[in-house]
Amino acid sequence: MKECLFCKIAGKQIPAKIVYEDERVVAFRDINPKAPVHILIIPRKHIETVMDVKSGDRELMGDLFIAARKIAEKEGVGESGFRLIQNCKADAGQEVFHIHFHLLAGRKLSWPHG
């Protein structure tokens, strides 16, 4: 998608503080963090929402979770804990329509969120 902010970040057209990348996943620090560790994890493939995930995307979705584990370990929050959030569509708070996870950690997180 030419106008997608996250596609531009994944394509290195817009700078970001990249913390992890491989051939299918990119992760970068959120510019408006809600916790000491706030990282966005995205697939390089443009998928707008969870409602747009197809059966052929199963492996890619698994790659996002594997990346989250690796990032949590690298950030030193794998043992203490972290939260993964995925918002789907506007009423849930999705602002960028490119599927992504928020990895939040580094402080005690309360529940319920939102």
Protein backbone atom coordinates (compact mmCIF):
# COMPACT_ATOMS: atom_id res chain seq x y z
CA MET A 1 0.00 0.00 0.00
CA LYS A 2 1.59 3.23 -1.16
CA GLU A 3 0.09 5.43 1.56
CA CYS A 4 0.41 3.04 4.51
CA LEU A 5 2.65 4.48 7.24
CA PHE A 6 3.74 1.05 8.47
CA CYS A 7 4.50 -0.18 4.94
CA LYS A 8 6.72 2.88 4.52
CA ILE A 9 8.50 2.11 7.81
CA ALA A 10 8.98 -1.54 6.79
CA GLY A 11 10.31 -0.35 3.42
CA LYS A 12 12.71 2.09 5.14
CA GLN A 13 11.06 5.08 3.44
CA ILE A 14 10.28 6.58 6.86
CA PRO A 15 12.81 6.34 9.70
CA ALA A 16 11.95 4.43 12.86
CA LYS A 17 13.84 2.98 15.81
CA ILE A 18 13.91 -0.61 14.56
CA VAL A 19 14.47 -3.18 17.32
CA TYR A 20 13.89 -6.35 15.30
CA GLU A 21 13.53 -7.37 11.68
CA ASP A 22 13.62 -10.44 9.54
CA GLU A 23 12.33 -11.29 6.09
CA ARG A 24 8.65 -11.21 7.21
CA VAL A 25 8.44 -9.07 10.37
CA VAL A 26 9.58 -5.60 11.47
CA ALA A 27 9.37 -4.19 15.00
CA PHE A 28 10.03 -0.63 16.11
CA ARG A 29 9.60 1.64 19.13
CA ASP A 30 6.29 3.48 19.37
CA ILE A 31 6.71 7.26 19.01
CA ASN A 32 4.09 7.83 21.75
CA PRO A 33 4.92 5.11 24.31
CA LYS A 34 2.37 4.04 26.92
CA ALA A 35 4.95 2.06 28.94
CA PRO A 36 8.75 2.09 29.34
CA VAL A 37 8.87 -0.62 26.68
CA HIS A 38 6.36 0.00 23.87
CA ILE A 39 7.19 -1.71 20.61
CA LEU A 40 5.03 -2.18 17.52
CA ILE A 41 5.37 -5.52 15.72
CA ILE A 42 4.16 -5.64 12.11
CA PRO A 43 4.24 -8.05 9.20
CA ARG A 44 5.99 -6.73 6.10
CA LYS A 45 2.92 -7.90 4.18
CA HIS A 46 0.12 -5.34 4.24
CA ILE A 47 -2.92 -6.75 6.01
CA GLU A 48 -5.33 -4.08 7.25
CA THR A 49 -7.05 -5.81 10.18
CA VAL A 50 -7.51 -9.19 11.85
CA MET A 51 -10.69 -9.45 9.79
CA ASP A 52 -8.49 -9.48 6.66
CA VAL A 53 -6.26 -12.37 7.77
CA LYS A 54 -6.62 -15.33 5.41
CA SER A 55 -5.89 -19.00 6.01
CA GLY A 56 -2.71 -18.57 3.93
CA ASP A 57 -1.44 -16.09 6.54
CA ARG A 58 -1.23 -18.68 9.34
CA GLU A 59 2.54 -18.99 9.27
CA LEU A 60 2.98 -15.22 9.09
CA MET A 61 0.74 -14.73 12.14
CA GLY A 62 2.87 -17.26 14.01
CA ASP A 63 5.97 -15.33 12.97
CA LEU A 64 4.57 -12.26 14.76
CA PHE A 65 4.32 -14.21 18.02
CA ILE A 66 7.82 -15.66 17.63
CA ALA A 67 9.12 -12.12 17.03
CA ALA A 68 7.31 -10.93 20.18
CA ARG A 69 9.07 -13.62 22.24
CA LYS A 70 12.46 -12.70 20.79
CA ILE A 71 11.88 -8.99 21.39
CA ALA A 72 10.72 -9.58 24.98
CA GLU A 73 13.88 -11.58 25.64
CA LYS A 74 16.09 -8.93 24.02
CA GLU A 75 14.39 -6.14 25.99
CA GLY A 76 14.78 -8.07 29.25
CA VAL A 77 11.05 -8.38 29.95
CA GLY A 78 10.48 -12.02 29.05
CA GLU A 79 10.67 -13.16 32.67
CA SER A 80 8.90 -10.22 34.34
CA GLY A 81 6.08 -10.18 31.78
CA PHE A 82 4.64 -8.13 28.98
CA ARG A 83 1.34 -7.46 27.28
CA LEU A 84 0.53 -7.93 23.60
CA ILE A 85 -2.35 -5.83 22.33
CA GLN A 86 -3.96 -6.04 18.90
CA ASN A 87 -6.73 -3.56 18.13
CA CYS A 88 -9.11 -4.39 15.29
CA LYS A 89 -10.85 -1.47 13.58
CA ALA A 90 -11.68 2.04 14.75
CA ASP A 91 -14.02 1.23 17.67
CA ALA A 92 -11.25 -0.86 19.23
CA GLY A 93 -8.71 1.95 18.83
CA GLN A 94 -6.91 0.88 15.65
CA GLU A 95 -5.39 4.05 14.18
CA VAL A 96 -3.07 2.62 11.51
CA PHE A 97 -4.79 0.11 9.28
CA HIS A 98 -1.91 -2.32 8.97
CA ILE A 99 -2.21 -5.23 11.41
CA HIS A 100 0.18 -4.84 14.34
CA PHE A 101 0.80 -5.81 17.93
CA HIS A 102 1.74 -3.43 20.72
CA LEU A 103 4.26 -5.04 23.08
CA LEU A 104 4.04 -3.18 26.41
CA ALA A 105 6.27 -3.82 29.41
CA GLY A 106 8.65 -2.32 31.90
CA ARG A 107 6.09 -1.46 34.57
CA LYS A 108 3.16 -3.09 36.36
CA LEU A 109 0.24 -3.08 33.94
CA SER A 110 -3.30 -2.87 35.27
CA TRP A 111 -6.42 -4.60 33.97
CA PRO A 112 -8.88 -4.06 32.48
CA HIS A 113 -7.29 -1.91 29.83
CA GLY A 114 -9.55 0.69 28.19
